[in-house]
C-alpha atoms as a PDB file:
ATOM      1  CA  UNK A   1      52.219  55.927  64.798  1.00  0.00           C
ATOM      2  CA  UNK A   2      54.597  58.809  64.283  1.00  0.00           C
ATOM      3  CA  UNK A   3      57.503  56.559  63.298  1.00  0.00           C
ATOM      4  CA  UNK A   4      55.361  55.060  60.521  1.00  0.00           C
ATOM      5  CA  UNK A   5      54.144  58.322  59.020  1.00  0.00           C
ATOM      6  CA  UNK A   6      55.737  60.808  56.768  1.00  0.00           C
ATOM      7  CA  UNK A   7      54.698  64.382  56.975  1.00  0.00           C
ATOM      8  CA  UNK A   8      54.122  65.728  53.550  1.00  0.00           C
ATOM      9  CA  UNK A   9      53.005  69.034  52.265  1.00  0.00           C
ATOM     10  CA  UNK A  10      52.003  69.311  48.627  1.00  0.00           C
ATOM     11  CA  UNK A  11      51.285  72.505  46.763  1.00  0.00           C
ATOM     12  CA  UNK A  12      49.555  72.724  43.439  1.00  0.00           C
ATOM     13  CA  UNK A  13      51.313  75.368  41.469  1.00  0.00           C
ATOM     14  CA  UNK A  14      50.624  75.373  37.847  1.00  0.00           C
ATOM     15  CA  UNK A  15      51.664  78.256  35.612  1.00  0.00           C
ATOM     16  CA  UNK A  16      51.629  78.542  31.897  1.00  0.00           C
ATOM     17  CA  UNK A  17      53.540  81.536  30.559  1.00  0.00           C
ATOM     18  CA  UNK A  18      53.275  82.139  26.858  1.00  0.00           C
ATOM     19  CA  UNK A  19      55.681  85.093  26.414  1.00  0.00           C
ATOM     20  CA  UNK A  20      59.009  83.906  25.048  1.00  0.00           C
ATOM     21  CA  UNK A  21      62.157  85.172  26.818  1.00  0.00           C
ATOM     22  CA  UNK A  22      63.694  87.699  26.951  1.00  0.00           C
ATOM     23  CA  UNK A  23      60.348  89.520  26.929  1.00  0.00           C
ATOM     24  CA  UNK A  24      59.290  91.120  30.208  1.00  0.00           C
ATOM     25  CA  UNK A  25      58.688  88.606  32.954  1.00  0.00           C
ATOM     26  CA  UNK A  26      55.227  87.243  33.489  1.00  0.00           C
ATOM     27  CA  UNK A  27      54.318  86.364  37.088  1.00  0.00           C
ATOM     28  CA  UNK A  28      51.640  84.452  38.911  1.00  0.00           C
ATOM     29  CA  UNK A  29      50.973  84.348  42.718  1.00  0.00           C
ATOM     30  CA  UNK A  30      48.936  81.622  44.291  1.00  0.00           C
ATOM     31  CA  UNK A  31      47.676  81.485  47.830  1.00  0.00           C
ATOM     32  CA  UNK A  32      47.530  78.095  49.443  1.00  0.00           C
ATOM     33  CA  UNK A  33      44.851  76.987  51.909  1.00  0.00           C
ATOM     34  CA  UNK A  34      45.933  77.326  55.562  1.00  0.00           C
ATOM     35  CA  UNK A  35      46.286  74.243  57.726  1.00  0.00           C
ATOM     36  CA  UNK A  36      46.269  71.781  54.832  1.00  0.00           C
ATOM     37  CA  UNK A  37      49.302  69.695  55.817  1.00  0.00           C
ATOM     38  CA  UNK A  38      48.628  65.984  55.380  1.00  0.00           C
ATOM     39  CA  UNK A  39      50.566  62.892  56.311  1.00  0.00           C
ATOM     40  CA  UNK A  40      50.667  59.389  55.019  1.00  0.00           C
ATOM     41  CA  UNK A  41      52.135  55.938  55.745  1.00  0.00           C
ATOM     42  CA  UNK A  42      55.825  55.504  55.388  1.00  0.00           C
ATOM     43  CA  UNK A  43      56.896  53.737  52.135  1.00  0.00           C
ATOM     44  CA  UNK A  44      53.428  53.891  50.635  1.00  0.00           C
ATOM     45  CA  UNK A  45      52.542  54.672  47.042  1.00  0.00           C
ATOM     46  CA  UNK A  46      49.208  56.189  48.256  1.00  0.00           C
ATOM     47  CA  UNK A  47      48.939  59.969  48.422  1.00  0.00           C
ATOM     48  CA  UNK A  48      48.977  61.232  52.004  1.00  0.00           C
ATOM     49  CA  UNK A  49      45.430  61.785  53.376  1.00  0.00           C
ATOM     50  CA  UNK A  50      45.569  62.259  57.124  1.00  0.00           C
ATOM     51  CA  UNK A  51      44.929  65.992  57.871  1.00  0.00           C
ATOM     52  CA  UNK A  52      47.301  67.562  60.265  1.00  0.00           C
ATOM     53  CA  UNK A  53      45.932  71.128  60.738  1.00  0.00           C
ATOM     54  CA  UNK A  54      47.975  71.830  63.887  1.00  0.00           C
ATOM     55  CA  UNK A  55      51.206  71.422  62.058  1.00  0.00           C
ATOM     56  CA  UNK A  56      52.790  74.695  60.997  1.00  0.00           C
ATOM     57  CA  UNK A  57      56.099  73.409  59.788  1.00  0.00           C
ATOM     58  CA  UNK A  58      56.239  73.577  55.965  1.00  0.00           C
ATOM     59  CA  UNK A  59      52.581  74.573  55.597  1.00  0.00           C
ATOM     60  CA  UNK A  60      52.673  76.580  52.389  1.00  0.00           C
ATOM     61  CA  UNK A  61      51.192  80.102  52.428  1.00  0.00           C
ATOM     62  CA  UNK A  62      52.008  81.495  48.924  1.00  0.00           C
ATOM     63  CA  UNK A  63      53.858  80.509  45.856  1.00  0.00           C
ATOM     64  CA  UNK A  64      54.853  82.972  43.219  1.00  0.00           C
ATOM     65  CA  UNK A  65      56.137  81.968  39.777  1.00  0.00           C
ATOM     66  CA  UNK A  66      57.674  84.289  37.216  1.00  0.00           C
ATOM     67  CA  UNK A  67      59.182  83.515  33.846  1.00  0.00           C
ATOM     68  CA  UNK A  68      61.300  85.844  31.747  1.00  0.00           C
ATOM     69  CA  UNK A  69      65.100  85.765  31.582  1.00  0.00           C
ATOM     70  CA  UNK A  70      64.844  83.316  34.514  1.00  0.00           C
ATOM     71  CA  UNK A  71      62.302  80.977  35.912  1.00  0.00           C
ATOM     72  CA  UNK A  72      61.750  81.953  39.488  1.00  0.00           C
ATOM     73  CA  UNK A  73      59.500  80.082  41.899  1.00  0.00           C
ATOM     74  CA  UNK A  74      59.290  81.572  45.427  1.00  0.00           C
ATOM     75  CA  UNK A  75      57.426  79.661  48.129  1.00  0.00           C
ATOM     76  CA  UNK A  76      56.573  81.092  51.485  1.00  0.00           C
ATOM     77  CA  UNK A  77      55.714  78.878  54.475  1.00  0.00           C
ATOM     78  CA  UNK A  78      53.977  79.429  57.841  1.00  0.00           C
ATOM     79  CA  UNK A  79      56.992  77.938  59.515  1.00  0.00           C
ATOM     80  CA  UNK A  80      60.325  76.758  58.101  1.00  0.00           C
ATOM     81  CA  UNK A  81      62.284  75.887  61.171  1.00  0.00           C
ATOM     82  CA  UNK A  82      65.507  73.881  60.787  1.00  0.00           C
ATOM     83  CA  UNK A  83      63.774  70.721  62.182  1.00  0.00           C
ATOM     84  CA  UNK A  84      64.619  67.343  60.633  1.00  0.00           C
ATOM     85  CA  UNK A  85      65.358  66.274  57.049  1.00  0.00           C
ATOM     86  CA  UNK A  86      63.620  68.639  54.492  1.00  0.00           C
ATOM     87  CA  UNK A  87      63.216  67.940  50.775  1.00  0.00           C
ATOM     88  CA  UNK A  88      61.900  70.503  48.416  1.00  0.00           C
ATOM     89  CA  UNK A  89      60.977  69.436  44.837  1.00  0.00           C
ATOM     90  CA  UNK A  90      59.900  70.987  41.569  1.00  0.00           C
ATOM     91  CA  UNK A  91      58.625  69.397  38.385  1.00  0.00           C
ATOM     92  CA  UNK A  92      59.027  71.685  35.328  1.00  0.00           C
ATOM     93  CA  UNK A  93      57.228  71.188  32.043  1.00  0.00           C
ATOM     94  CA  UNK A  94      58.336  73.278  29.042  1.00  0.00           C
ATOM     95  CA  UNK A  95      56.823  73.941  25.651  1.00  0.00           C
ATOM     96  CA  UNK A  96      59.876  72.267  24.091  1.00  0.00           C
ATOM     97  CA  UNK A  97      60.175  69.094  26.051  1.00  0.00           C
ATOM     98  CA  UNK A  98      58.033  65.946  26.019  1.00  0.00           C
ATOM     99  CA  UNK A  99      58.971  65.074  29.525  1.00  0.00           C
ATOM    100  CA  UNK A 100      59.594  67.174  32.643  1.00  0.00           C
ATOM    101  CA  UNK A 101      62.717  68.562  34.260  1.00  0.00           C
ATOM    102  CA  UNK A 102      63.106  67.936  37.961  1.00  0.00           C
ATOM    103  CA  UNK A 103      64.789  70.033  40.633  1.00  0.00           C
ATOM    104  CA  UNK A 104      65.363  69.365  44.314  1.00  0.00           C
ATOM    105  CA  UNK A 105      66.882  70.911  47.362  1.00  0.00           C
ATOM    106  CA  UNK A 106      67.687  68.454  50.115  1.00  0.00           C
ATOM    107  CA  UNK A 107      68.480  69.899  53.487  1.00  0.00           C
ATOM    108  CA  UNK A 108      69.941  67.787  56.336  1.00  0.00           C
ATOM    109  CA  UNK A 109      68.573  68.064  59.870  1.00  0.00           C
ATOM    110  CA  UNK A 110      69.383  71.379  61.605  1.00  0.00           C
ATOM    111  CA  UNK A 111      71.069  72.890  58.524  1.00  0.00           C
ATOM    112  CA  UNK A 112      70.197  76.051  56.528  1.00  0.00           C
ATOM    113  CA  UNK A 113      71.864  75.022  53.267  1.00  0.00           C
ATOM    114  CA  UNK A 114      71.412  71.867  51.213  1.00  0.00           C
ATOM    115  CA  UNK A 115      72.251  69.949  48.084  1.00  0.00           C
ATOM    116  CA  UNK A 116      70.632  71.335  44.875  1.00  0.00           C
ATOM    117  CA  UNK A 117      70.148  69.247  41.753  1.00  0.00           C
ATOM    118  CA  UNK A 118      68.567  69.925  38.416  1.00  0.00           C
ATOM    119  CA  UNK A 119      67.943  67.064  35.971  1.00  0.00           C
ATOM    120  CA  UNK A 120      66.735  67.670  32.410  1.00  0.00           C
ATOM    121  CA  UNK A 121      64.216  65.359  30.561  1.00  0.00           C
ATOM    122  CA  UNK A 122      67.011  62.936  29.419  1.00  0.00           C
ATOM    123  CA  UNK A 123      68.620  62.699  32.819  1.00  0.00           C
ATOM    124  CA  UNK A 124      71.485  65.170  32.246  1.00  0.00           C
ATOM    125  CA  UNK A 125      72.510  67.516  35.068  1.00  0.00           C
ATOM    126  CA  UNK A 126      73.162  70.814  33.254  1.00  0.00           C
ATOM    127  CA  UNK A 127      74.813  72.500  36.304  1.00  0.00           C
ATOM    128  CA  UNK A 128      72.743  75.639  36.151  1.00  0.00           C
ATOM    129  CA  UNK A 129      70.119  77.022  38.509  1.00  0.00           C
ATOM    130  CA  UNK A 130      69.937  77.151  42.256  1.00  0.00           C
ATOM    131  CA  UNK A 131      67.485  76.917  45.129  1.00  0.00           C
ATOM    132  CA  UNK A 132      67.918  79.131  48.197  1.00  0.00           C
ATOM    133  CA  UNK A 133      66.423  78.536  51.613  1.00  0.00           C
ATOM    134  CA  UNK A 134      65.809  81.637  53.740  1.00  0.00           C
ATOM    135  CA  UNK A 135      64.676  80.548  57.177  1.00  0.00           C
ATOM    136  CA  UNK A 136      64.178  84.173  58.499  1.00  0.00           C
ATOM    137  CA  UNK A 137      61.724  84.871  55.641  1.00  0.00           C
ATOM    138  CA  UNK A 138      60.348  81.306  55.715  1.00  0.00           C
ATOM    139  CA  UNK A 139      60.909  81.145  51.984  1.00  0.00           C
ATOM    140  CA  UNK A 140      62.509  78.725  49.470  1.00  0.00           C
ATOM    141  CA  UNK A 141      63.316  80.237  45.988  1.00  0.00           C
ATOM    142  CA  UNK A 142      64.154  78.222  42.845  1.00  0.00           C
ATOM    143  CA  UNK A 143      65.938  80.164  40.045  1.00  0.00           C
ATOM    144  CA  UNK A 144      66.771  78.716  36.707  1.00  0.00           C
ATOM    145  CA  UNK A 145      67.955  80.728  33.733  1.00  0.00           C
ATOM    146  CA  UNK A 146      65.567  80.453  30.741  1.00  0.00           C
ATOM    147  CA  UNK A 147      68.675  79.707  28.613  1.00  0.00           C
ATOM    148  CA  UNK A 148      69.350  76.652  30.707  1.00  0.00           C
ATOM    149  CA  UNK A 149      65.845  75.368  29.880  1.00  0.00           C
ATOM    150  CA  UNK A 150      66.407  76.098  26.198  1.00  0.00           C
ATOM    151  CA  UNK A 151      64.396  79.325  26.203  1.00  0.00           C
ATOM    152  CA  UNK A 152      60.979  77.643  25.862  1.00  0.00           C
ATOM    153  CA  UNK A 153      57.877  79.730  25.045  1.00  0.00           C
ATOM    154  CA  UNK A 154      56.223  78.675  28.368  1.00  0.00           C
ATOM    155  CA  UNK A 155      56.744  76.622  31.494  1.00  0.00           C
ATOM    156  CA  UNK A 156      54.458  74.850  34.010  1.00  0.00           C
ATOM    157  CA  UNK A 157      55.670  74.146  37.581  1.00  0.00           C
ATOM    158  CA  UNK A 158      54.480  71.673  40.235  1.00  0.00           C
ATOM    159  CA  UNK A 159      56.127  72.018  43.684  1.00  0.00           C
ATOM    160  CA  UNK A 160      56.089  69.893  46.889  1.00  0.00           C
ATOM    161  CA  UNK A 161      57.929  69.503  50.135  1.00  0.00           C
ATOM    162  CA  UNK A 162      58.592  66.378  52.173  1.00  0.00           C
ATOM    163  CA  UNK A 163      59.361  66.466  55.918  1.00  0.00           C
ATOM    164  CA  UNK A 164      59.709  62.972  57.279  1.00  0.00           C
ATOM    165  CA  UNK A 165      60.525  62.274  60.896  1.00  0.00           C
ATOM    166  CA  UNK A 166      64.376  62.071  61.410  1.00  0.00           C
ATOM    167  CA  UNK A 167      64.321  58.316  61.338  1.00  0.00           C
ATOM    168  CA  UNK A 168      62.283  57.826  58.199  1.00  0.00           C
ATOM    169  CA  UNK A 169      62.950  58.013  54.482  1.00  0.00           C
ATOM    170  CA  UNK A 170      61.139  60.497  52.228  1.00  0.00           C
ATOM    171  CA  UNK A 171      58.510  58.722  50.109  1.00  0.00           C
ATOM    172  CA  UNK A 172      56.046  61.233  48.502  1.00  0.00           C
ATOM    173  CA  UNK A 173      56.432  63.672  45.603  1.00  0.00           C
ATOM    174  CA  UNK A 174      54.108  66.226  44.071  1.00  0.00           C
ATOM    175  CA  UNK A 175      52.280  65.043  40.985  1.00  0.00           C
ATOM    176  CA  UNK A 176      53.789  65.645  37.578  1.00  0.00           C
ATOM    177  CA  UNK A 177      50.878  67.801  36.379  1.00  0.00           C
ATOM    178  CA  UNK A 178      51.322  70.257  39.195  1.00  0.00           C
ATOM    179  CA  UNK A 179      48.191  69.215  40.919  1.00  0.00           C
ATOM    180  CA  UNK A 180      47.404  67.340  44.166  1.00  0.00           C
ATOM    181  CA  UNK A 181      44.766  64.925  45.020  1.00  0.00           C
END
């Protein structure tokens, strides 16, 4: 039933960059499989498994990650219409931290701007970084200064997006290792 499912798109983006800032930026681009949107039961701990190939909203096309003076993750979608609640999330591992950082951009229904948060491994909110949603380009871009992350030698990023029906609550996140099942 549509009311009992949460539409979830997960992207496996893993990048390890071993050049310390402020060296020239190192970039990686990943192409995501088309029509790989999946959904799952509302309020379930299970990963979403139901294929939804006809859904274009939030189907990821590419993700590019670069790390130099800034960590920049730009994700392009097949469709990024202002439909319903949209939650974009990133999990960031660094060479200097035992646990990951987390960032999110939560966009309310029919809006083009949202609430950004960045949380370090010990739950502080450093107040740096930003995520920008560009509906015309169907892109969401995360930017965090390397200095905000402590200038680590490398970073790894996992990214996901959650698009529940308007009446449901988000319930799935991308995996911490940047992979999907």
